[in-house]
Amino acid sequence: MTPDKRADYWKANLRYLTVLLIVWFVVSYGFGVLLVEPLNAIHLGGYPLGFWFAQQGSIYVFVALIFVYAALMNRLDQQFDVGEE
């Protein structure tokens, strides 16, 4: 792989990481801490939604983001022809 392709690959990887970490931050800190009061007006499974995000939702989103990142990286690996054979 040429140095330019390596730089493009790394730039795309960092872009994916940045977006996914922002999503994780918004869900875990934003919904679980900052927006907890407005979200508590909505109930999910008998619990206030703000409480749910603080206790369970951020964990579920984090696990989902791991799978999203794996899928994105597989596609990026194929795009740059560095996939596992």
PDB file of N, CA and C in Angstrom:
ATOM      1  N   MET A   1       0.847  -1.164   0.000  1.00  0.00           N
ATOM      2  CA  MET A   1       0.000   0.000   0.000  1.00  0.00           C
ATOM      3  C   MET A   1       0.904   1.241   0.000  1.00  0.00           C
ATOM      4  N   THR A   2       0.555   2.190  -0.822  1.00  0.00           N
ATOM      5  CA  THR A   2       1.355   3.410  -0.917  1.00  0.00           C
ATOM      6  C   THR A   2       1.109   4.298   0.307  1.00  0.00           C
ATOM      7  N   PRO A   3       2.055   5.184   0.576  1.00  0.00           N
ATOM      8  CA  PRO A   3       1.881   6.075   1.731  1.00  0.00           C
ATOM      9  C   PRO A   3       0.607   6.935   1.636  1.00  0.00           C
ATOM     10  N   ASP A   4       0.240   7.348   0.406  1.00  0.00           N
ATOM     11  CA  ASP A   4      -0.991   8.138   0.256  1.00  0.00           C
ATOM     12  C   ASP A   4      -2.225   7.316   0.606  1.00  0.00           C
ATOM     13  N   LYS A   5      -2.237   6.045   0.185  1.00  0.00           N
ATOM     14  CA  LYS A   5      -3.376   5.182   0.501  1.00  0.00           C
ATOM     15  C   LYS A   5      -3.426   4.889   1.994  1.00  0.00           C
ATOM     16  N   ARG A   6      -2.259   4.735   2.614  1.00  0.00           N
ATOM     17  CA  ARG A   6      -2.229   4.522   4.067  1.00  0.00           C
ATOM     18  C   ARG A   6      -2.804   5.720   4.807  1.00  0.00           C
ATOM     19  N   ALA A   7      -2.436   6.913   4.357  1.00  0.00           N
ATOM     20  CA  ALA A   7      -2.944   8.135   4.989  1.00  0.00           C
ATOM     21  C   ALA A   7      -4.453   8.248   4.794  1.00  0.00           C
ATOM     22  N   ASP A   8      -4.947   7.920   3.607  1.00  0.00           N
ATOM     23  CA  ASP A   8      -6.397   7.960   3.350  1.00  0.00           C
ATOM     24  C   ASP A   8      -7.132   6.930   4.202  1.00  0.00           C
ATOM     25  N   TYR A   9      -6.536   5.753   4.323  1.00  0.00           N
ATOM     26  CA  TYR A   9      -7.133   4.689   5.140  1.00  0.00           C
ATOM     27  C   TYR A   9      -7.217   5.133   6.603  1.00  0.00           C
ATOM     28  N   TRP A  10      -6.129   5.690   7.112  1.00  0.00           N
ATOM     29  CA  TRP A  10      -6.099   6.127   8.507  1.00  0.00           C
ATOM     30  C   TRP A  10      -7.063   7.289   8.731  1.00  0.00           C
ATOM     31  N   LYS A  11      -7.150   8.207   7.764  1.00  0.00           N
ATOM     32  CA  LYS A  11      -8.070   9.330   7.883  1.00  0.00           C
ATOM     33  C   LYS A  11      -9.520   8.846   7.938  1.00  0.00           C
ATOM     34  N   ALA A  12      -9.860   7.877   7.105  1.00  0.00           N
ATOM     35  CA  ALA A  12     -11.213   7.312   7.123  1.00  0.00           C
ATOM     36  C   ALA A  12     -11.475   6.600   8.448  1.00  0.00           C
ATOM     37  N   ASN A  13     -10.490   5.870   8.943  1.00  0.00           N
ATOM     38  CA  ASN A  13     -10.627   5.184  10.229  1.00  0.00           C
ATOM     39  C   ASN A  13     -10.870   6.191  11.350  1.00  0.00           C
ATOM     40  N   LEU A  14     -10.113   7.260  11.386  1.00  0.00           N
ATOM     41  CA  LEU A  14     -10.296   8.289  12.416  1.00  0.00           C
ATOM     42  C   LEU A  14     -11.648   8.980  12.291  1.00  0.00           C
ATOM     43  N   ARG A  15     -12.123   9.161  11.067  1.00  0.00           N
ATOM     44  CA  ARG A  15     -13.445   9.759  10.865  1.00  0.00           C
ATOM     45  C   ARG A  15     -14.532   8.849  11.456  1.00  0.00           C
ATOM     46  N   TYR A  16     -14.438   7.541  11.187  1.00  0.00           N
ATOM     47  CA  TYR A  16     -15.387   6.588  11.763  1.00  0.00           C
ATOM     48  C   TYR A  16     -15.343   6.635  13.289  1.00  0.00           C
ATOM     49  N   LEU A  17     -14.128   6.596  13.844  1.00  0.00           N
ATOM     50  CA  LEU A  17     -13.981   6.630  15.303  1.00  0.00           C
ATOM     51  C   LEU A  17     -14.571   7.902  15.904  1.00  0.00           C
ATOM     52  N   THR A  18     -14.321   9.031  15.277  1.00  0.00           N
ATOM     53  CA  THR A  18     -14.818  10.301  15.787  1.00  0.00           C
ATOM     54  C   THR A  18     -16.341  10.325  15.814  1.00  0.00           C
ATOM     55  N   VAL A  19     -16.960   9.913  14.718  1.00  0.00           N
ATOM     56  CA  VAL A  19     -18.424   9.925  14.646  1.00  0.00           C
ATOM     57  C   VAL A  19     -19.017   8.957  15.668  1.00  0.00           C
ATOM     58  N   LEU A  20     -18.457   7.761  15.769  1.00  0.00           N
ATOM     59  CA  LEU A  20     -19.001   6.772  16.694  1.00  0.00           C
ATOM     60  C   LEU A  20     -18.801   7.190  18.153  1.00  0.00           C
ATOM     61  N   LEU A  21     -17.675   7.805  18.468  1.00  0.00           N
ATOM     62  CA  LEU A  21     -17.455   8.276  19.830  1.00  0.00           C
ATOM     63  C   LEU A  21     -18.380   9.438  20.179  1.00  0.00           C
ATOM     64  N   ILE A  22     -18.676  10.278  19.203  1.00  0.00           N
ATOM     65  CA  ILE A  22     -19.633  11.365  19.441  1.00  0.00           C
ATOM     66  C   ILE A  22     -21.018  10.789  19.731  1.00  0.00           C
ATOM     67  N   VAL A  23     -21.425   9.785  18.949  1.00  0.00           N
ATOM     68  CA  VAL A  23     -22.717   9.134  19.190  1.00  0.00           C
ATOM     69  C   VAL A  23     -22.743   8.537  20.591  1.00  0.00           C
ATOM     70  N   TRP A  24     -21.676   7.841  20.963  1.00  0.00           N
ATOM     71  CA  TRP A  24     -21.607   7.219  22.288  1.00  0.00           C
ATOM     72  C   TRP A  24     -21.679   8.278  23.392  1.00  0.00           C
ATOM     73  N   PHE A  25     -20.961   9.386  23.218  1.00  0.00           N
ATOM     74  CA  PHE A  25     -20.970  10.458  24.209  1.00  0.00           C
ATOM     75  C   PHE A  25     -22.360  11.059  24.353  1.00  0.00           C
ATOM     76  N   VAL A  26     -23.006  11.339  23.223  1.00  0.00           N
ATOM     77  CA  VAL A  26     -24.340  11.940  23.262  1.00  0.00           C
ATOM     78  C   VAL A  26     -25.324  11.022  23.972  1.00  0.00           C
ATOM     79  N   VAL A  27     -25.252   9.728  23.673  1.00  0.00           N
ATOM     80  CA  VAL A  27     -26.185   8.787  24.295  1.00  0.00           C
ATOM     81  C   VAL A  27     -25.881   8.608  25.776  1.00  0.00           C
ATOM     82  N   SER A  28     -24.618   8.385  26.118  1.00  0.00           N
ATOM     83  CA  SER A  28     -24.300   8.082  27.512  1.00  0.00           C
ATOM     84  C   SER A  28     -24.329   9.325  28.401  1.00  0.00           C
ATOM     85  N   TYR A  29     -23.699  10.388  27.982  1.00  0.00           N
ATOM     86  CA  TYR A  29     -23.643  11.585  28.825  1.00  0.00           C
ATOM     87  C   TYR A  29     -24.837  12.497  28.560  1.00  0.00           C
ATOM     88  N   GLY A  30     -25.139  12.723  27.289  1.00  0.00           N
ATOM     89  CA  GLY A  30     -26.227  13.630  26.946  1.00  0.00           C
ATOM     90  C   GLY A  30     -27.572  13.129  27.424  1.00  0.00           C
ATOM     91  N   PHE A  31     -27.939  11.901  27.028  1.00  0.00           N
ATOM     92  CA  PHE A  31     -29.245  11.360  27.412  1.00  0.00           C
ATOM     93  C   PHE A  31     -29.271  10.900  28.859  1.00  0.00           C
ATOM     94  N   GLY A  32     -28.172  10.360  29.339  1.00  0.00           N
ATOM     95  CA  GLY A  32     -28.147   9.804  30.693  1.00  0.00           C
ATOM     96  C   GLY A  32     -27.936  10.816  31.790  1.00  0.00           C
ATOM     97  N   VAL A  33     -27.372  11.993  31.468  1.00  0.00           N
ATOM     98  CA  VAL A  33     -27.067  12.977  32.500  1.00  0.00           C
ATOM     99  C   VAL A  33     -27.717  14.332  32.196  1.00  0.00           C
ATOM    100  N   LEU A  34     -27.412  14.900  31.039  1.00  0.00           N
ATOM    101  CA  LEU A  34     -27.875  16.254  30.745  1.00  0.00           C
ATOM    102  C   LEU A  34     -29.372  16.335  30.447  1.00  0.00           C
ATOM    103  N   LEU A  35     -29.887  15.369  29.715  1.00  0.00           N
ATOM    104  CA  LEU A  35     -31.298  15.402  29.306  1.00  0.00           C
ATOM    105  C   LEU A  35     -32.163  14.444  30.107  1.00  0.00           C
ATOM    106  N   VAL A  36     -31.718  14.069  31.278  1.00  0.00           N
ATOM    107  CA  VAL A  36     -32.429  13.058  32.053  1.00  0.00           C
ATOM    108  C   VAL A  36     -33.817  13.543  32.475  1.00  0.00           C
ATOM    109  N   GLU A  37     -33.954  14.782  32.868  1.00  0.00           N
ATOM    110  CA  GLU A  37     -35.252  15.275  33.339  1.00  0.00           C
ATOM    111  C   GLU A  37     -36.309  15.273  32.235  1.00  0.00           C
ATOM    112  N   PRO A  38     -36.037  15.834  31.050  1.00  0.00           N
ATOM    113  CA  PRO A  38     -37.064  15.770  30.000  1.00  0.00           C
ATOM    114  C   PRO A  38     -37.363  14.332  29.559  1.00  0.00           C
ATOM    115  N   LEU A  39     -36.344  13.480  29.540  1.00  0.00           N
ATOM    116  CA  LEU A  39     -36.562  12.095  29.121  1.00  0.00           C
ATOM    117  C   LEU A  39     -37.337  11.298  30.167  1.00  0.00           C
ATOM    118  N   ASN A  40     -37.277  11.705  31.414  1.00  0.00           N
ATOM    119  CA  ASN A  40     -38.001  10.987  32.463  1.00  0.00           C
ATOM    120  C   ASN A  40     -39.515  11.123  32.327  1.00  0.00           C
ATOM    121  N   ALA A  41     -39.976  12.054  31.496  1.00  0.00           N
ATOM    122  CA  ALA A  41     -41.414  12.185  31.247  1.00  0.00           C
ATOM    123  C   ALA A  41     -41.925  11.021  30.400  1.00  0.00           C
ATOM    124  N   ILE A  42     -41.029  10.335  29.708  1.00  0.00           N
ATOM    125  CA  ILE A  42     -41.379   9.188  28.865  1.00  0.00           C
ATOM    126  C   ILE A  42     -40.990   7.924  29.626  1.00  0.00           C
ATOM    127  N   HIS A  43     -41.851   6.918  29.596  1.00  0.00           N
ATOM    128  CA  HIS A  43     -41.576   5.670  30.294  1.00  0.00           C
ATOM    129  C   HIS A  43     -41.333   4.544  29.301  1.00  0.00           C
ATOM    130  N   LEU A  44     -40.365   3.709  29.597  1.00  0.00           N
ATOM    131  CA  LEU A  44     -40.027   2.549  28.776  1.00  0.00           C
ATOM    132  C   LEU A  44     -39.974   1.339  29.696  1.00  0.00           C
ATOM    133  N   GLY A  45     -40.881   0.419  29.512  1.00  0.00           N
ATOM    134  CA  GLY A  45     -40.923  -0.767  30.358  1.00  0.00           C
ATOM    135  C   GLY A  45     -41.191  -0.457  31.820  1.00  0.00           C
ATOM    136  N   GLY A  46     -41.918   0.621  32.071  1.00  0.00           N
ATOM    137  CA  GLY A  46     -42.242   0.987  33.439  1.00  0.00           C
ATOM    138  C   GLY A  46     -41.211   1.879  34.110  1.00  0.00           C
ATOM    139  N   TYR A  47     -40.108   2.149  33.440  1.00  0.00           N
ATOM    140  CA  TYR A  47     -39.054   2.985  34.010  1.00  0.00           C
ATOM    141  C   TYR A  47     -38.952   4.285  33.223  1.00  0.00           C
ATOM    142  N   PRO A  48     -38.572   5.367  33.874  1.00  0.00           N
ATOM    143  CA  PRO A  48     -38.360   6.621  33.142  1.00  0.00           C
ATOM    144  C   PRO A  48     -37.249   6.444  32.102  1.00  0.00           C
ATOM    145  N   LEU A  49     -37.449   7.035  30.940  1.00  0.00           N
ATOM    146  CA  LEU A  49     -36.491   6.859  29.843  1.00  0.00           C
ATOM    147  C   LEU A  49     -35.101   7.391  30.195  1.00  0.00           C
ATOM    148  N   GLY A  50     -35.029   8.490  30.939  1.00  0.00           N
ATOM    149  CA  GLY A  50     -33.729   9.021  31.354  1.00  0.00           C
ATOM    150  C   GLY A  50     -32.971   8.032  32.223  1.00  0.00           C
ATOM    151  N   PHE A  51     -33.670   7.409  33.147  1.00  0.00           N
ATOM    152  CA  PHE A  51     -33.057   6.378  33.996  1.00  0.00           C
ATOM    153  C   PHE A  51     -32.613   5.196  33.145  1.00  0.00           C
ATOM    154  N   TRP A  52     -33.458   4.804  32.182  1.00  0.00           N
ATOM    155  CA  TRP A  52     -33.128   3.671  31.322  1.00  0.00           C
ATOM    156  C   TRP A  52     -31.850   3.942  30.533  1.00  0.00           C
ATOM    157  N   PHE A  53     -31.736   5.154  29.959  1.00  0.00           N
ATOM    158  CA  PHE A  53     -30.518   5.483  29.205  1.00  0.00           C
ATOM    159  C   PHE A  53     -29.296   5.473  30.114  1.00  0.00           C
ATOM    160  N   ALA A  54     -29.440   5.994  31.324  1.00  0.00           N
ATOM    161  CA  ALA A  54     -28.303   6.042  32.238  1.00  0.00           C
ATOM    162  C   ALA A  54     -27.872   4.645  32.664  1.00  0.00           C
ATOM    163  N   GLN A  55     -28.815   3.720  32.817  1.00  0.00           N
ATOM    164  CA  GLN A  55     -28.491   2.393  33.341  1.00  0.00           C
ATOM    165  C   GLN A  55     -28.265   1.351  32.251  1.00  0.00           C
ATOM    166  N   GLN A  56     -29.082   1.340  31.217  1.00  0.00           N
ATOM    167  CA  GLN A  56     -29.028   0.268  30.226  1.00  0.00           C
ATOM    168  C   GLN A  56     -28.774   0.766  28.808  1.00  0.00           C
ATOM    169  N   GLY A  57     -29.420   1.850  28.444  1.00  0.00           N
ATOM    170  CA  GLY A  57     -29.386   2.311  27.059  1.00  0.00           C
ATOM    171  C   GLY A  57     -28.000   2.599  26.539  1.00  0.00           C
ATOM    172  N   SER A  58     -27.177   3.244  27.353  1.00  0.00           N
ATOM    173  CA  SER A  58     -25.832   3.576  26.896  1.00  0.00           C
ATOM    174  C   SER A  58     -24.993   2.311  26.683  1.00  0.00           C
ATOM    175  N   ILE A  59     -25.241   1.277  27.472  1.00  0.00           N
ATOM    176  CA  ILE A  59     -24.512   0.012  27.298  1.00  0.00           C
ATOM    177  C   ILE A  59     -24.946  -0.665  26.005  1.00  0.00           C
ATOM    178  N   TYR A  60     -26.257  -0.699  25.758  1.00  0.00           N
ATOM    179  CA  TYR A  60     -26.752  -1.299  24.514  1.00  0.00           C
ATOM    180  C   TYR A  60     -26.238  -0.551  23.291  1.00  0.00           C
ATOM    181  N   VAL A  61     -26.243   0.765  23.364  1.00  0.00           N
ATOM    182  CA  VAL A  61     -25.739   1.558  22.242  1.00  0.00           C
ATOM    183  C   VAL A  61     -24.250   1.306  22.045  1.00  0.00           C
ATOM    184  N   PHE A  62     -23.489   1.207  23.123  1.00  0.00           N
ATOM    185  CA  PHE A  62     -22.062   0.937  23.009  1.00  0.00           C
ATOM    186  C   PHE A  62     -21.806  -0.403  22.319  1.00  0.00           C
ATOM    187  N   VAL A  63     -22.533  -1.432  22.700  1.00  0.00           N
ATOM    188  CA  VAL A  63     -22.366  -2.744  22.061  1.00  0.00           C
ATOM    189  C   VAL A  63     -22.761  -2.667  20.586  1.00  0.00           C
ATOM    190  N   ALA A  64     -23.838  -1.960  20.287  1.00  0.00           N
ATOM    191  CA  ALA A  64     -24.249  -1.797  18.891  1.00  0.00           C
ATOM    192  C   ALA A  64     -23.179  -1.051  18.095  1.00  0.00           C
ATOM    193  N   LEU A  65     -22.562  -0.050  18.708  1.00  0.00           N
ATOM    194  CA  LEU A  65     -21.508   0.703  18.021  1.00  0.00           C
ATOM    195  C   LEU A  65     -20.290  -0.163  17.724  1.00  0.00           C
ATOM    196  N   ILE A  66     -20.014  -1.132  18.565  1.00  0.00           N
ATOM    197  CA  ILE A  66     -18.912  -2.058  18.288  1.00  0.00           C
ATOM    198  C   ILE A  66     -19.185  -2.825  16.995  1.00  0.00           C
ATOM    199  N   PHE A  67     -20.419  -3.313  16.841  1.00  0.00           N
ATOM    200  CA  PHE A  67     -20.773  -4.042  15.621  1.00  0.00           C
ATOM    201  C   PHE A  67     -20.781  -3.121  14.405  1.00  0.00           C
ATOM    202  N   VAL A  68     -21.249  -1.892  14.571  1.00  0.00           N
ATOM    203  CA  VAL A  68     -21.231  -0.919  13.477  1.00  0.00           C
ATOM    204  C   VAL A  68     -19.791  -0.637  13.065  1.00  0.00           C
ATOM    205  N   TYR A  69     -18.902  -0.441  14.032  1.00  0.00           N
ATOM    206  CA  TYR A  69     -17.494  -0.175  13.722  1.00  0.00           C
ATOM    207  C   TYR A  69     -16.860  -1.359  13.000  1.00  0.00           C
ATOM    208  N   ALA A  70     -17.156  -2.564  13.437  1.00  0.00           N
ATOM    209  CA  ALA A  70     -16.609  -3.751  12.767  1.00  0.00           C
ATOM    210  C   ALA A  70     -17.079  -3.821  11.317  1.00  0.00           C
ATOM    211  N   ALA A  71     -18.357  -3.540  11.084  1.00  0.00           N
ATOM    212  CA  ALA A  71     -18.884  -3.564   9.717  1.00  0.00           C
ATOM    213  C   ALA A  71     -18.254  -2.460   8.864  1.00  0.00           C
ATOM    214  N   LEU A  72     -18.126  -1.273   9.438  1.00  0.00           N
ATOM    215  CA  LEU A  72     -17.501  -0.170   8.701  1.00  0.00           C
ATOM    216  C   LEU A  72     -16.048  -0.480   8.358  1.00  0.00           C
ATOM    217  N   MET A  73     -15.326  -1.068   9.312  1.00  0.00           N
ATOM    218  CA  MET A  73     -13.925  -1.376   9.057  1.00  0.00           C
ATOM    219  C   MET A  73     -13.771  -2.511   8.043  1.00  0.00           C
ATOM    220  N   ASN A  74     -14.668  -3.486   8.055  1.00  0.00           N
ATOM    221  CA  ASN A  74     -14.619  -4.530   7.030  1.00  0.00           C
ATOM    222  C   ASN A  74     -14.813  -3.936   5.644  1.00  0.00           C
ATOM    223  N   ARG A  75     -15.776  -3.005   5.539  1.00  0.00           N
ATOM    224  CA  ARG A  75     -16.010  -2.356   4.250  1.00  0.00           C
ATOM    225  C   ARG A  75     -14.807  -1.501   3.852  1.00  0.00           C
ATOM    226  N   LEU A  76     -14.211  -0.805   4.805  1.00  0.00           N
ATOM    227  CA  LEU A  76     -13.035   0.017   4.517  1.00  0.00           C
ATOM    228  C   LEU A  76     -11.852  -0.856   4.106  1.00  0.00           C
ATOM    229  N   ASP A  77     -11.673  -1.980   4.780  1.00  0.00           N
ATOM    230  CA  ASP A  77     -10.599  -2.908   4.411  1.00  0.00           C
ATOM    231  C   ASP A  77     -10.764  -3.402   2.978  1.00  0.00           C
ATOM    232  N   GLN A  78     -11.985  -3.715   2.591  1.00  0.00           N
ATOM    233  CA  GLN A  78     -12.229  -4.160   1.219  1.00  0.00           C
ATOM    234  C   GLN A  78     -11.988  -3.032   0.228  1.00  0.00           C
ATOM    235  N   GLN A  79     -12.385  -1.840   0.603  1.00  0.00           N
ATOM    236  CA  GLN A  79     -12.203  -0.683  -0.271  1.00  0.00           C
ATOM    237  C   GLN A  79     -10.721  -0.418  -0.531  1.00  0.00           C
ATOM    238  N   PHE A  80      -9.894  -0.590   0.481  1.00  0.00           N
ATOM    239  CA  PHE A  80      -8.460  -0.342   0.349  1.00  0.00           C
ATOM    240  C   PHE A  80      -7.669  -1.612   0.079  1.00  0.00           C
ATOM    241  N   ASP A  81      -8.372  -2.707  -0.127  1.00  0.00           N
ATOM    242  CA  ASP A  81      -7.756  -4.002  -0.446  1.00  0.00           C
ATOM    243  C   ASP A  81      -6.757  -4.460   0.615  1.00  0.00           C
ATOM    244  N   VAL A  82      -7.160  -4.310   1.859  1.00  0.00           N
ATOM    245  CA  VAL A  82      -6.340  -4.812   2.970  1.00  0.00           C
ATOM    246  C   VAL A  82      -7.135  -5.798   3.812  1.00  0.00           C
ATOM    247  N   GLY A  83      -8.186  -6.346   3.247  1.00  0.00           N
ATOM    248  CA  GLY A  83      -9.048  -7.254   3.984  1.00  0.00           C
ATOM    249  C   GLY A  83      -8.351  -8.565   4.283  1.00  0.00           C
ATOM    250  N   GLU A  84      -8.909  -9.254   5.243  1.00  0.00           N
ATOM    251  CA  GLU A  84      -8.370 -10.566   5.614  1.00  0.00           C
ATOM    252  C   GLU A  84      -8.879 -11.592   4.606  1.00  0.00           C
ATOM    253  N   GLU A  85      -7.997 -12.400   4.130  1.00  0.00           N
ATOM    254  CA  GLU A  85      -8.359 -13.405   3.123  1.00  0.00           C
ATOM    255  C   GLU A  85      -8.687 -14.702   3.791  1.00  0.00           C
TER     256      GLU A  85
END
